Every structure is written in structure tokens, then in C-alpha cells.
C-alpha atoms as a PDB file:
ATOM      1  CA  MET A   1       8.961   0.769  24.406  1.00  0.00           C
ATOM      2  CA  THR A   2      12.269  -1.139  24.569  1.00  0.00           C
ATOM      3  CA  MET A   3      12.317  -2.173  20.911  1.00  0.00           C
ATOM      4  CA  ARG A   4      13.852   0.354  18.537  1.00  0.00           C
ATOM      5  CA  TYR A   5      12.673   0.351  14.936  1.00  0.00           C
ATOM      6  CA  GLY A   6      13.871   1.772  11.669  1.00  0.00           C
ATOM      7  CA  PHE A   7      11.627   2.849   8.828  1.00  0.00           C
ATOM      8  CA  ILE A   8      12.702   3.307   5.208  1.00  0.00           C
ATOM      9  CA  GLY A   9      10.299   4.729   2.623  1.00  0.00           C
ATOM     10  CA  LEU A  10       8.439   7.765   3.934  1.00  0.00           C
ATOM     11  CA  GLY A  11       5.931   8.384   1.166  1.00  0.00           C
ATOM     12  CA  ALA A  12       2.270   8.951   1.924  1.00  0.00           C
ATOM     13  CA  LEU A  13       1.754   5.415   3.238  1.00  0.00           C
ATOM     14  CA  GLY A  14       5.158   4.785   4.793  1.00  0.00           C
ATOM     15  CA  GLY A  15       5.173   8.143   6.531  1.00  0.00           C
ATOM     16  CA  ALA A  16       1.789   7.407   8.083  1.00  0.00           C
ATOM     17  CA  LEU A  17       2.891   3.962   9.295  1.00  0.00           C
ATOM     18  CA  ALA A  18       6.116   5.354  10.724  1.00  0.00           C
ATOM     19  CA  MET A  19       4.213   8.081  12.573  1.00  0.00           C
ATOM     20  CA  SER A  20       1.979   5.442  14.155  1.00  0.00           C
ATOM     21  CA  LEU A  21       5.087   3.707  15.517  1.00  0.00           C
ATOM     22  CA  ARG A  22       6.344   6.969  16.958  1.00  0.00           C
ATOM     23  CA  ARG A  23       2.967   7.817  18.507  1.00  0.00           C
ATOM     24  CA  ALA A  24       3.012   4.421  20.205  1.00  0.00           C
ATOM     25  CA  GLY A  25       6.280   5.343  21.893  1.00  0.00           C
ATOM     26  CA  PHE A  26       8.751   3.261  19.926  1.00  0.00           C
ATOM     27  CA  GLY A  27      12.238   4.592  19.353  1.00  0.00           C
ATOM     28  CA  LEU A  28      12.415   5.320  15.619  1.00  0.00           C
ATOM     29  CA  VAL A  29      15.201   5.891  13.100  1.00  0.00           C
ATOM     30  CA  VAL A  30      14.126   6.915   9.593  1.00  0.00           C
ATOM     31  CA  HIS A  31      15.534   7.220   6.087  1.00  0.00           C
ATOM     32  CA  ASP A  32      14.236   8.211   2.663  1.00  0.00           C
ATOM     33  CA  LEU A  33      15.744   9.528  -0.548  1.00  0.00           C
ATOM     34  CA  ASP A  34      13.962  12.789   0.226  1.00  0.00           C
ATOM     35  CA  ARG A  35      14.921  13.992   3.697  1.00  0.00           C
ATOM     36  CA  GLN A  36      12.094  16.527   3.628  1.00  0.00           C
ATOM     37  CA  SER A  37       9.608  13.660   3.770  1.00  0.00           C
ATOM     38  CA  ALA A  38      10.880  12.933   7.292  1.00  0.00           C
ATOM     39  CA  ALA A  39      10.287  16.472   8.609  1.00  0.00           C
ATOM     40  CA  ALA A  40       7.169  15.671  10.650  1.00  0.00           C
ATOM     41  CA  LEU A  41       8.712  12.488  12.028  1.00  0.00           C
ATOM     42  CA  LEU A  42      11.905  14.238  13.076  1.00  0.00           C
ATOM     43  CA  GLN A  43       9.815  16.884  14.807  1.00  0.00           C
ATOM     44  CA  ALA A  44       8.006  14.052  16.610  1.00  0.00           C
ATOM     45  CA  GLY A  45      11.306  12.680  17.945  1.00  0.00           C
ATOM     46  CA  ALA A  46      12.508  10.272  15.272  1.00  0.00           C
ATOM     47  CA  VAL A  47      16.211  10.175  14.373  1.00  0.00           C
ATOM     48  CA  TRP A  48      17.532  10.572  10.825  1.00  0.00           C
ATOM     49  CA  ALA A  49      19.955   8.105   9.213  1.00  0.00           C
ATOM     50  CA  ASP A  50      21.893   8.955   6.075  1.00  0.00           C
ATOM     51  CA  ASP A  51      21.510   5.525   4.475  1.00  0.00           C
ATOM     52  CA  PRO A  52      19.968   2.091   5.153  1.00  0.00           C
ATOM     53  CA  ALA A  53      23.165   0.679   6.675  1.00  0.00           C
ATOM     54  CA  ALA A  54      23.466   3.577   9.120  1.00  0.00           C
ATOM     55  CA  LEU A  55      19.830   3.065  10.095  1.00  0.00           C
ATOM     56  CA  ALA A  56      20.278  -0.680  10.500  1.00  0.00           C
ATOM     57  CA  GLY A  57      23.111  -0.299  12.992  1.00  0.00           C
ATOM     58  CA  GLN A  58      20.846   1.581  15.399  1.00  0.00           C
ATOM     59  CA  VAL A  59      17.747  -0.624  15.484  1.00  0.00           C
ATOM     60  CA  ASP A  60      16.349  -4.017  16.460  1.00  0.00           C
ATOM     61  CA  ALA A  61      14.218  -4.247  13.321  1.00  0.00           C
ATOM     62  CA  ALA A  62      13.724  -2.250  10.149  1.00  0.00           C
ATOM     63  CA  PHE A  63      10.454  -1.624   8.305  1.00  0.00           C
ATOM     64  CA  THR A  64      10.424  -0.861   4.589  1.00  0.00           C
ATOM     65  CA  CYS A  65       7.594   0.626   2.515  1.00  0.00           C
ATOM     66  CA  LEU A  66       8.820   0.895  -1.060  1.00  0.00           C
ATOM     67  CA  PRO A  67       7.385   1.066  -4.594  1.00  0.00           C
ATOM     68  CA  SER A  68       8.619  -2.224  -6.080  1.00  0.00           C
ATOM     69  CA  PRO A  69      10.473  -5.484  -5.349  1.00  0.00           C
ATOM     70  CA  ALA A  70      13.484  -4.110  -7.246  1.00  0.00           C
ATOM     71  CA  VAL A  71      13.697  -1.115  -4.894  1.00  0.00           C
ATOM     72  CA  SER A  72      13.227  -3.368  -1.848  1.00  0.00           C
ATOM     73  CA  GLU A  73      16.090  -5.569  -3.047  1.00  0.00           C
ATOM     74  CA  ARG A  74      18.364  -2.563  -3.577  1.00  0.00           C
ATOM     75  CA  VAL A  75      17.592  -1.190  -0.092  1.00  0.00           C
ATOM     76  CA  LEU A  76      18.105  -4.601   1.469  1.00  0.00           C
ATOM     77  CA  THR A  77      21.182  -5.918  -0.348  1.00  0.00           C
ATOM     78  CA  GLY A  78      22.798  -2.996  -2.166  1.00  0.00           C
ATOM     79  CA  GLU A  79      25.896  -1.104  -1.125  1.00  0.00           C
ATOM     80  CA  ARG A  80      25.202   0.396   2.312  1.00  0.00           C
ATOM     81  CA  GLY A  81      22.029  -1.672   2.379  1.00  0.00           C
ATOM     82  CA  LEU A  82      20.132  -2.970   5.400  1.00  0.00           C
ATOM     83  CA  ILE A  83      21.825  -6.371   5.470  1.00  0.00           C
ATOM     84  CA  SER A  84      25.232  -4.764   5.812  1.00  0.00           C
ATOM     85  CA  GLY A  85      24.119  -3.094   9.042  1.00  0.00           C
ATOM     86  CA  LEU A  86      21.507  -5.299  10.689  1.00  0.00           C
ATOM     87  CA  ARG A  87      22.803  -7.475  13.511  1.00  0.00           C
ATOM     88  CA  PRO A  88      22.230 -11.256  13.451  1.00  0.00           C
ATOM     89  CA  GLY A  89      18.917 -11.947  15.163  1.00  0.00           C
ATOM     90  CA  SER A  90      17.336  -8.674  14.061  1.00  0.00           C
ATOM     91  CA  THR A  91      14.347  -8.472  11.700  1.00  0.00           C
ATOM     92  CA  TRP A  92      13.439  -6.945   8.365  1.00  0.00           C
ATOM     93  CA  ILE A  93       9.691  -6.163   8.124  1.00  0.00           C
ATOM     94  CA  GLU A  94       8.458  -5.567   4.577  1.00  0.00           C
ATOM     95  CA  THR A  95       5.208  -3.620   4.304  1.00  0.00           C
ATOM     96  CA  SER A  96       5.516  -3.028   0.546  1.00  0.00           C
ATOM     97  CA  THR A  97       3.269  -4.858  -1.904  1.00  0.00           C
ATOM     98  CA  VAL A  98       5.529  -7.483  -3.491  1.00  0.00           C
ATOM     99  CA  ASP A  99       4.963 -10.870  -5.083  1.00  0.00           C
ATOM    100  CA  ALA A 100       5.372 -14.053  -3.032  1.00  0.00           C
ATOM    101  CA  ASP A 101       8.441 -15.253  -4.958  1.00  0.00           C
ATOM    102  CA  SER A 102      10.256 -11.981  -4.326  1.00  0.00           C
ATOM    103  CA  ILE A 103       9.627 -11.937  -0.577  1.00  0.00           C
ATOM    104  CA  ARG A 104      10.789 -15.533  -0.219  1.00  0.00           C
ATOM    105  CA  ARG A 105      13.921 -14.880  -2.285  1.00  0.00           C
ATOM    106  CA  LEU A 106      14.812 -11.706  -0.399  1.00  0.00           C
ATOM    107  CA  ALA A 107      14.111 -13.373   2.946  1.00  0.00           C
ATOM    108  CA  ALA A 108      16.573 -16.120   2.006  1.00  0.00           C
ATOM    109  CA  LEU A 109      19.236 -13.486   1.335  1.00  0.00           C
ATOM    110  CA  ALA A 110      18.530 -11.865   4.699  1.00  0.00           C
ATOM    111  CA  ALA A 111      18.685 -15.242   6.440  1.00  0.00           C
ATOM    112  CA  GLU A 112      22.231 -15.767   5.146  1.00  0.00           C
ATOM    113  CA  SER A 113      23.218 -12.879   7.424  1.00  0.00           C
ATOM    114  CA  GLY A 114      21.149 -14.158  10.338  1.00  0.00           C
ATOM    115  CA  VAL A 115      18.343 -11.651   9.765  1.00  0.00           C
ATOM    116  CA  PHE A 116      14.721 -12.758  10.165  1.00  0.00           C
ATOM    117  CA  THR A 117      11.948 -11.546   7.837  1.00  0.00           C
ATOM    118  CA  LEU A 118       8.292 -10.701   8.287  1.00  0.00           C
ATOM    119  CA  GLU A 119       6.010  -9.566   5.482  1.00  0.00           C
ATOM    120  CA  ALA A 120       3.354  -7.159   6.691  1.00  0.00           C
ATOM    121  CA  PRO A 121       1.578  -5.472   3.776  1.00  0.00           C
ATOM    122  CA  VAL A 122      -1.265  -3.186   4.778  1.00  0.00           C
ATOM    123  CA  THR A 123      -4.637  -2.539   3.193  1.00  0.00           C
ATOM    124  CA  GLY A 124      -7.339   0.089   3.616  1.00  0.00           C
ATOM    125  CA  GLY A 125      -5.784   3.236   2.191  1.00  0.00           C
ATOM    126  CA  VAL A 126      -3.490   6.035   3.269  1.00  0.00           C
ATOM    127  CA  HIS A 127      -6.294   7.753   5.204  1.00  0.00           C
ATOM    128  CA  LYS A 128      -6.756   4.627   7.336  1.00  0.00           C
ATOM    129  CA  ALA A 129      -2.995   4.336   7.835  1.00  0.00           C
ATOM    130  CA  ALA A 130      -2.916   7.914   9.125  1.00  0.00           C
ATOM    131  CA  GLU A 131      -5.451   6.886  11.784  1.00  0.00           C
ATOM    132  CA  GLY A 132      -3.542   3.727  12.739  1.00  0.00           C
ATOM    133  CA  ALA A 133      -6.573   1.821  11.475  1.00  0.00           C
ATOM    134  CA  VAL A 134      -5.212   0.160   8.357  1.00  0.00           C
ATOM    135  CA  ALA A 135      -5.454  -3.649   8.269  1.00  0.00           C
ATOM    136  CA  VAL A 136      -2.110  -5.478   8.549  1.00  0.00           C
ATOM    137  CA  ILE A 137      -1.562  -8.869   6.875  1.00  0.00           C
ATOM    138  CA  VAL A 138       1.385 -10.781   8.316  1.00  0.00           C
ATOM    139  CA  GLY A 139       3.352 -13.741   7.010  1.00  0.00           C
ATOM    140  CA  GLY A 140       6.377 -15.302   8.686  1.00  0.00           C
ATOM    141  CA  GLU A 141       7.486 -17.410  11.623  1.00  0.00           C
ATOM    142  CA  ASP A 142       5.348 -17.384  14.760  1.00  0.00           C
ATOM    143  CA  LYS A 143       8.219 -16.473  17.082  1.00  0.00           C
ATOM    144  CA  VAL A 144       9.228 -13.521  14.905  1.00  0.00           C
ATOM    145  CA  PHE A 145       5.631 -12.350  14.675  1.00  0.00           C
ATOM    146  CA  GLU A 146       5.226 -12.474  18.458  1.00  0.00           C
ATOM    147  CA  ARG A 147       8.448 -10.523  18.962  1.00  0.00           C
ATOM    148  CA  HIS A 148       7.076  -7.659  16.884  1.00  0.00           C
ATOM    149  CA  ARG A 149       3.351  -7.989  17.565  1.00  0.00           C
ATOM    150  CA  ALA A 150       3.199  -4.743  19.544  1.00  0.00           C
ATOM    151  CA  ALA A 151       4.743  -2.749  16.698  1.00  0.00           C
ATOM    152  CA  LEU A 152       2.455  -4.343  14.134  1.00  0.00           C
ATOM    153  CA  GLU A 153      -0.572  -3.559  16.287  1.00  0.00           C
ATOM    154  CA  ALA A 154       0.687   0.012  16.555  1.00  0.00           C
ATOM    155  CA  ILE A 155       0.723   0.575  12.787  1.00  0.00           C
ATOM    156  CA  GLY A 156      -2.746  -0.821  12.184  1.00  0.00           C
ATOM    157  CA  ARG A 157      -5.721  -2.907  13.140  1.00  0.00           C
ATOM    158  CA  PRO A 158      -6.845  -5.559  12.788  1.00  0.00           C
ATOM    159  CA  VAL A 159      -3.662  -7.589  12.411  1.00  0.00           C
ATOM    160  CA  PHE A 160      -4.172 -10.827  10.462  1.00  0.00           C
ATOM    161  CA  ARG A 161      -1.592 -13.595  10.876  1.00  0.00           C
ATOM    162  CA  VAL A 162      -2.077 -15.619   7.675  1.00  0.00           C
ATOM    163  CA  GLY A 163       0.791 -18.119   7.507  1.00  0.00           C
ATOM    164  CA  PRO A 164       4.363 -18.545   6.252  1.00  0.00           C
ATOM    165  CA  LEU A 165       6.298 -16.060   4.147  1.00  0.00           C
ATOM    166  CA  GLY A 166       4.563 -15.480   0.836  1.00  0.00           C
ATOM    167  CA  SER A 167       1.029 -15.965   2.117  1.00  0.00           C
ATOM    168  CA  ALA A 168       0.551 -12.312   3.080  1.00  0.00           C
ATOM    169  CA  SER A 169       1.808 -11.198  -0.339  1.00  0.00           C
ATOM    170  CA  VAL A 170      -0.768 -13.411  -2.037  1.00  0.00           C
ATOM    171  CA  MET A 171      -3.537 -12.038   0.169  1.00  0.00           C
ATOM    172  CA  LYS A 172      -2.495  -8.421  -0.448  1.00  0.00           C
ATOM    173  CA  VAL A 173      -2.470  -8.949  -4.220  1.00  0.00           C
ATOM    174  CA  ILE A 174      -5.998 -10.372  -3.952  1.00  0.00           C
ATOM    175  CA  THR A 175      -7.308  -7.374  -2.008  1.00  0.00           C
ATOM    176  CA  ASN A 176      -5.728  -4.882  -4.399  1.00  0.00           C
ATOM    177  CA  MET A 177      -7.074  -6.744  -7.423  1.00  0.00           C
ATOM    178  CA  LEU A 178     -10.592  -6.505  -5.993  1.00  0.00           C
ATOM    179  CA  ALA A 179     -10.162  -2.810  -5.195  1.00  0.00           C
ATOM    180  CA  PHE A 180      -9.186  -1.961  -8.781  1.00  0.00           C
ATOM    181  CA  ILE A 181     -12.064  -3.984 -10.228  1.00  0.00           C
ATOM    182  CA  HIS A 182     -14.478  -2.250  -7.836  1.00  0.00           C
ATOM    183  CA  LEU A 183     -13.114   1.160  -8.825  1.00  0.00           C
ATOM    184  CA  VAL A 184     -13.761   0.624 -12.534  1.00  0.00           C
ATOM    185  CA  ALA A 185     -17.222  -0.753 -11.722  1.00  0.00           C
ATOM    186  CA  ALA A 186     -18.041   2.219  -9.482  1.00  0.00           C
ATOM    187  CA  GLY A 187     -17.117   4.620 -12.278  1.00  0.00           C
ATOM    188  CA  GLU A 188     -19.411   2.837 -14.704  1.00  0.00           C
ATOM    189  CA  ALA A 189     -22.250   2.876 -12.167  1.00  0.00           C
ATOM    190  CA  LEU A 190     -21.884   6.609 -11.547  1.00  0.00           C
ATOM    191  CA  MET A 191     -21.805   7.277 -15.276  1.00  0.00           C
ATOM    192  CA  LEU A 192     -25.063   5.367 -15.740  1.00  0.00           C
ATOM    193  CA  ALA A 193     -26.603   7.529 -13.026  1.00  0.00           C
ATOM    194  CA  ARG A 194     -25.254  10.726 -14.591  1.00  0.00           C
ATOM    195  CA  ARG A 195     -26.400   9.906 -18.112  1.00  0.00           C
ATOM    196  CA  GLY A 196     -29.723   8.742 -16.689  1.00  0.00           C
ATOM    197  CA  GLY A 197     -30.355  12.220 -15.314  1.00  0.00           C
ATOM    198  CA  LEU A 198     -30.021  11.299 -11.640  1.00  0.00           C
ATOM    199  CA  ASP A 199     -28.557  13.463  -8.911  1.00  0.00           C
ATOM    200  CA  LEU A 200     -25.035  12.086  -8.392  1.00  0.00           C
ATOM    201  CA  ALA A 201     -24.826  12.903  -4.694  1.00  0.00           C
ATOM    202  CA  GLN A 202     -28.043  11.008  -4.094  1.00  0.00           C
ATOM    203  CA  ALA A 203     -26.908   8.181  -6.372  1.00  0.00           C
ATOM    204  CA  TYR A 204     -23.702   7.899  -4.327  1.00  0.00           C
ATOM    205  CA  ALA A 205     -25.712   7.657  -1.099  1.00  0.00           C
ATOM    206  CA  ILE A 206     -28.110   5.064  -2.502  1.00  0.00           C
ATOM    207  CA  ILE A 207     -25.309   2.857  -3.830  1.00  0.00           C
ATOM    208  CA  LYS A 208     -23.532   3.144  -0.468  1.00  0.00           C
ATOM    209  CA  ALA A 209     -26.724   1.914   1.269  1.00  0.00           C
ATOM    210  CA  SER A 210     -27.394  -0.845  -1.257  1.00  0.00           C
ATOM    211  CA  SER A 211     -26.332  -4.402  -1.987  1.00  0.00           C
ATOM    212  CA  GLY A 212     -23.980  -2.909  -4.578  1.00  0.00           C
ATOM    213  CA  ALA A 213     -21.928  -1.063  -1.970  1.00  0.00           C
ATOM    214  CA  SER A 214     -18.176  -1.512  -1.612  1.00  0.00           C
ATOM    215  CA  PHE A 215     -15.396   0.033   0.438  1.00  0.00           C
ATOM    216  CA  VAL A 216     -13.948   1.475  -2.764  1.00  0.00           C
ATOM    217  CA  HIS A 217     -17.247   3.144  -3.683  1.00  0.00           C
ATOM    218  CA  GLU A 218     -17.607   4.583  -0.181  1.00  0.00           C
ATOM    219  CA  THR A 219     -14.111   6.090  -0.343  1.00  0.00           C
ATOM    220  CA  GLU A 220     -12.749   6.607  -3.862  1.00  0.00           C
ATOM    221  CA  SER A 221     -16.069   7.520  -5.500  1.00  0.00           C
ATOM    222  CA  GLN A 222     -16.054  10.613  -3.287  1.00  0.00           C
ATOM    223  CA  LEU A 223     -12.767  11.736  -4.855  1.00  0.00           C
ATOM    224  CA  VAL A 224     -14.157  11.178  -8.348  1.00  0.00           C
ATOM    225  CA  LEU A 225     -17.229  13.215  -7.511  1.00  0.00           C
ATOM    226  CA  ASN A 226     -15.021  15.980  -6.113  1.00  0.00           C
ATOM    227  CA  GLY A 227     -12.789  15.891  -9.196  1.00  0.00           C
ATOM    228  CA  SER A 228      -9.492  15.740  -7.287  1.00  0.00           C
ATOM    229  CA  TYR A 229      -9.072  11.951  -7.702  1.00  0.00           C
ATOM    230  CA  ASN A 230      -6.462  12.346  -4.942  1.00  0.00           C
ATOM    231  CA  ILE A 231      -6.234   8.884  -3.386  1.00  0.00           C
ATOM    232  CA  GLY A 232      -2.468   9.098  -2.772  1.00  0.00           C
ATOM    233  CA  PHE A 233      -1.799   6.010  -4.900  1.00  0.00           C
ATOM    234  CA  THR A 234      -0.411   6.217  -8.420  1.00  0.00           C
ATOM    235  CA  MET A 235      -1.261   4.621 -11.732  1.00  0.00           C
ATOM    236  CA  ASP A 236       2.203   3.020 -11.863  1.00  0.00           C
ATOM    237  CA  LEU A 237       1.577   1.281  -8.546  1.00  0.00           C
ATOM    238  CA  ALA A 238      -1.861   0.082  -9.661  1.00  0.00           C
ATOM    239  CA  CYS A 239      -0.446  -1.397 -12.872  1.00  0.00           C
ATOM    240  CA  LYS A 240       2.338  -3.086 -10.904  1.00  0.00           C
ATOM    241  CA  ASP A 241      -0.137  -4.675  -8.478  1.00  0.00           C
ATOM    242  CA  LEU A 242      -2.463  -5.817 -11.253  1.00  0.00           C
ATOM    243  CA  GLY A 243       0.565  -7.373 -12.934  1.00  0.00           C
ATOM    244  CA  PHE A 244       1.184  -9.354  -9.748  1.00  0.00           C
ATOM    245  CA  ALA A 245      -2.447 -10.519  -9.804  1.00  0.00           C
ATOM    246  CA  MET A 246      -2.247 -11.671 -13.416  1.00  0.00           C
ATOM    247  CA  ALA A 247       1.001 -13.550 -12.740  1.00  0.00           C
ATOM    248  CA  LEU A 248      -0.578 -15.212  -9.711  1.00  0.00           C
ATOM    249  CA  GLY A 249      -3.543 -16.306 -11.813  1.00  0.00           C
ATOM    250  CA  ARG A 250      -1.222 -17.852 -14.396  1.00  0.00           C
ATOM    251  CA  ASP A 251       0.862 -19.598 -11.744  1.00  0.00           C
ATOM    252  CA  LEU A 252      -2.169 -21.045  -9.967  1.00  0.00           C
ATOM    253  CA  GLY A 253      -4.206 -21.837 -13.074  1.00  0.00           C
ATOM    254  CA  VAL A 254      -7.026 -19.458 -12.157  1.00  0.00           C
ATOM    255  CA  PRO A 255      -8.681 -17.548 -15.046  1.00  0.00           C
ATOM    256  CA  LEU A 256      -9.013 -13.900 -14.030  1.00  0.00           C
ATOM    257  CA  ASP A 257     -11.363 -12.479 -16.642  1.00  0.00           C
ATOM    258  CA  LEU A 258     -12.409  -9.340 -14.752  1.00  0.00           C
ATOM    259  CA  ALA A 259      -8.894  -8.671 -13.510  1.00  0.00           C
ATOM    260  CA  ALA A 260      -7.530  -8.988 -17.047  1.00  0.00           C
ATOM    261  CA  ILE A 261      -9.988  -6.422 -18.406  1.00  0.00           C
ATOM    262  CA  THR A 262      -9.259  -4.140 -15.456  1.00  0.00           C
ATOM    263  CA  ALA A 263      -5.509  -4.443 -15.975  1.00  0.00           C
ATOM    264  CA  GLN A 264      -5.885  -3.361 -19.594  1.00  0.00           C
ATOM    265  CA  THR A 265      -8.087  -0.447 -18.553  1.00  0.00           C
ATOM    266  CA  PHE A 266      -5.426   0.751 -16.121  1.00  0.00           C
ATOM    267  CA  ILE A 267      -2.717   0.426 -18.760  1.00  0.00           C
ATOM    268  CA  ARG A 268      -4.796   2.671 -21.049  1.00  0.00           C
ATOM    269  CA  ALA A 269      -5.284   5.150 -18.208  1.00  0.00           C
ATOM    270  CA  ARG A 270      -1.556   5.210 -17.478  1.00  0.00           C
ATOM    271  CA  GLU A 271      -0.867   5.904 -21.134  1.00  0.00           C
ATOM    272  CA  ALA A 272      -3.448   8.697 -21.142  1.00  0.00           C
ATOM    273  CA  TYR A 273      -2.596  10.435 -17.873  1.00  0.00           C
ATOM    274  CA  GLY A 274       0.907   9.255 -16.932  1.00  0.00           C
ATOM    275  CA  GLY A 275       2.289   6.835 -14.393  1.00  0.00           C
ATOM    276  CA  GLY A 276       2.281   9.457 -11.656  1.00  0.00           C
ATOM    277  CA  ALA A 277      -1.440  10.192 -12.044  1.00  0.00           C
ATOM    278  CA  TRP A 278      -3.698   9.062  -9.220  1.00  0.00           C
ATOM    279  CA  SER A 279      -5.068   5.554  -9.777  1.00  0.00           C
ATOM    280  CA  THR A 280      -8.610   6.879  -9.272  1.00  0.00           C
ATOM    281  CA  GLN A 281      -8.226   8.727 -12.574  1.00  0.00           C
ATOM    282  CA  VAL A 282      -8.947   5.429 -14.316  1.00  0.00           C
ATOM    283  CA  VAL A 283     -12.586   6.615 -14.102  1.00  0.00           C
ATOM    284  CA  LYS A 284     -11.626   9.700 -16.119  1.00  0.00           C
ATOM    285  CA  LEU A 285     -11.172   7.471 -19.185  1.00  0.00           C
ATOM    286  CA  LEU A 286     -14.940   7.021 -19.244  1.00  0.00           C
ATOM    287  CA  GLU A 287     -15.601  10.677 -18.491  1.00  0.00           C
ATOM    288  CA  ASP A 288     -13.337  11.754 -21.361  1.00  0.00           C
ATOM    289  CA  ALA A 289     -14.717   9.182 -23.786  1.00  0.00           C
ATOM    290  CA  LEU A 290     -18.287  10.351 -23.168  1.00  0.00           C
ATOM    291  CA  HIS A 291     -17.447  14.039 -22.657  1.00  0.00           C
ATOM    292  CA  THR A 292     -19.375  13.825 -19.411  1.00  0.00           C
ATOM    293  CA  ASP A 293     -17.969  14.674 -15.980  1.00  0.00           C
ATOM    294  CA  LEU A 294     -18.959  13.018 -12.735  1.00  0.00           C
ATOM    295  CA  ARG A 295     -19.024  16.011 -10.382  1.00  0.00           C
ATOM    296  CA  ALA A 296     -21.277  16.677  -7.438  1.00  0.00           C
ATOM    297  CA  PRO A 297     -21.067  19.221  -4.606  1.00  0.00           C
ATOM    298  CA  GLY A 298     -20.232  18.327  -1.032  1.00  0.00           C
ATOM    299  CA  PHE A 299     -17.524  15.712  -1.537  1.00  0.00           C
ATOM    300  CA  PRO A 300     -13.988  16.017  -0.098  1.00  0.00           C
ATOM    301  CA  GLU A 301     -10.791  16.684  -2.019  1.00  0.00           C
ATOM    302  CA  THR A 302      -8.958  14.083   0.095  1.00  0.00           C
ATOM    303  CA  LEU A 303     -10.113  11.414   2.494  1.00  0.00           C
END
């Protein structure tokens, strides 16, 4: 591949996306606050950069996968940030979950230096990202999208081109909002089965085959039933994303009754278990309140 990409933010999700780029044959330069997180990528042929500016000077485009808009802004515009190193005509590709206002504002700052922006948040979970099968939602100019289509198709599938900058952020917030609502609902359903004396493994299978099935039940319910809760996504991130959903509802005049209840439930779970706890542990609130666990044999510790 002639295009050379950078990738900043090598956590569970970012590391998986970056590895998909490398597997597809793209030249890759990487950076993270924790160099150890790049070990597998460096072994696979990626090159390390000591800071975002050093990375930017070696690439045609730079991906970021970061925990918040504030961190994205610091990586983009701070001292030794991406903008200070990216050449005019290059591209910043943001895969983080951010709000639409933030991506538009940061894209305007990048444009002042002649840098194009694409937003490309992904959805489907870390396990899908590791397979190169996570869905990619893209917002931005057509010509910029086409320039980087091959890289976007390398990190996931399908790739959805949804419109101008900001549109992909809105869509990603919607999908995450639904996932968190479904997770709380799945926990309540499993608890009804447990307290009703049903076999939880069979209850899981029946729900999965029923009209009440959801992607979240098929995946995250397994981690609840195992007891690991290890989805690779934290309570802090869930609360952040639900905050984006609530702000979007206010801005657009849409009452979000279920999302509001879910947001409060996640805030209680964060208070109980800590911001670094897995988001799936929101179900543990119900388990603890009723002194009843939701365990069944045969379910995986991770997906």
C-alpha cells in the first residue's frame, strides 16, 4: 500500500484497529502514552513515534482513538500535537466517540493548517474490531473519504458513508445509547429468569432465539453469566457516551425517557464500582441489590 498511516491511541479498540491496518499492508507509525501497548504492532512491523508531531511528519494521514474530546483536542492541537507535524493536504481521521460540535470545531482548527478531517467512529465491540469486522461510520467530504476508503475498509466492515462532518458522531451516539439501554434490559430479563427458577443458560439461548433478542444480549449477557463482565469498555466511557446522547436529545428537542433512566443507572454503577469498572457491571447493581448472582456454566470470560 502506498499510503502511510499513523495511529494514536492503542488501547483495546485502537490497538485492534491499528493491527487491521498493518495486516492489510499499510505502512504504520504508532504512538501512545504507554509504549508497551504498541509491542504487538511493533513486532508486526509498525514504527514507533515519540509524540504526535513526530508521527505526523512521517505519514499521509493520522488516525486517533482516544477517550474524550478533550484528549483528542490535546493530541491534535497541543504542543507537539498532530497539527504541528501534518503536511497541508494530509488527513486526520477520528475514530473516537465524540459529539458533533466537537468534531466540527476540531476539524475547523485542522483546516486552518490545510489538514482535512474524516470522522470514522466504529461500532460492534472490541472483539469485532480484532477480526476487522467492526462497522465503520464515516462523515466528511466525498473526495477525502474516497482517498482513504481502502484504509477504512481495512479496519472494518461494513463501511457506512453517512454525510458531512458531525453526522457520523450523531449516529455513533445513537448506537451506543441503544446498546446501554439493551444492556440494562438484558440484565433485568436474566434476573427474572433466575428468580423464576429457570436455567440461565437455557434462558439465554431462548432469548437469543426470540423476538426479544439483541446484539448486546448475544454478546454482553455471556460475560455477565460468566461473571467476568470483561467487555473491554469502561464505566467512565459509558457515562460519557450517555451524556452525549442526553445533550443531543436536548439540542434536538427529543425526549429520551429510557436513555435518561439508563444514564442514571450507569452513574449509580460508576459510583458503586468505579469509573474503570467494565460497563457490563451495570447489571451487578441488580445482582447486589437482590443478593442474587446471574452465573451459568459454559460462557466465556471474554468475547
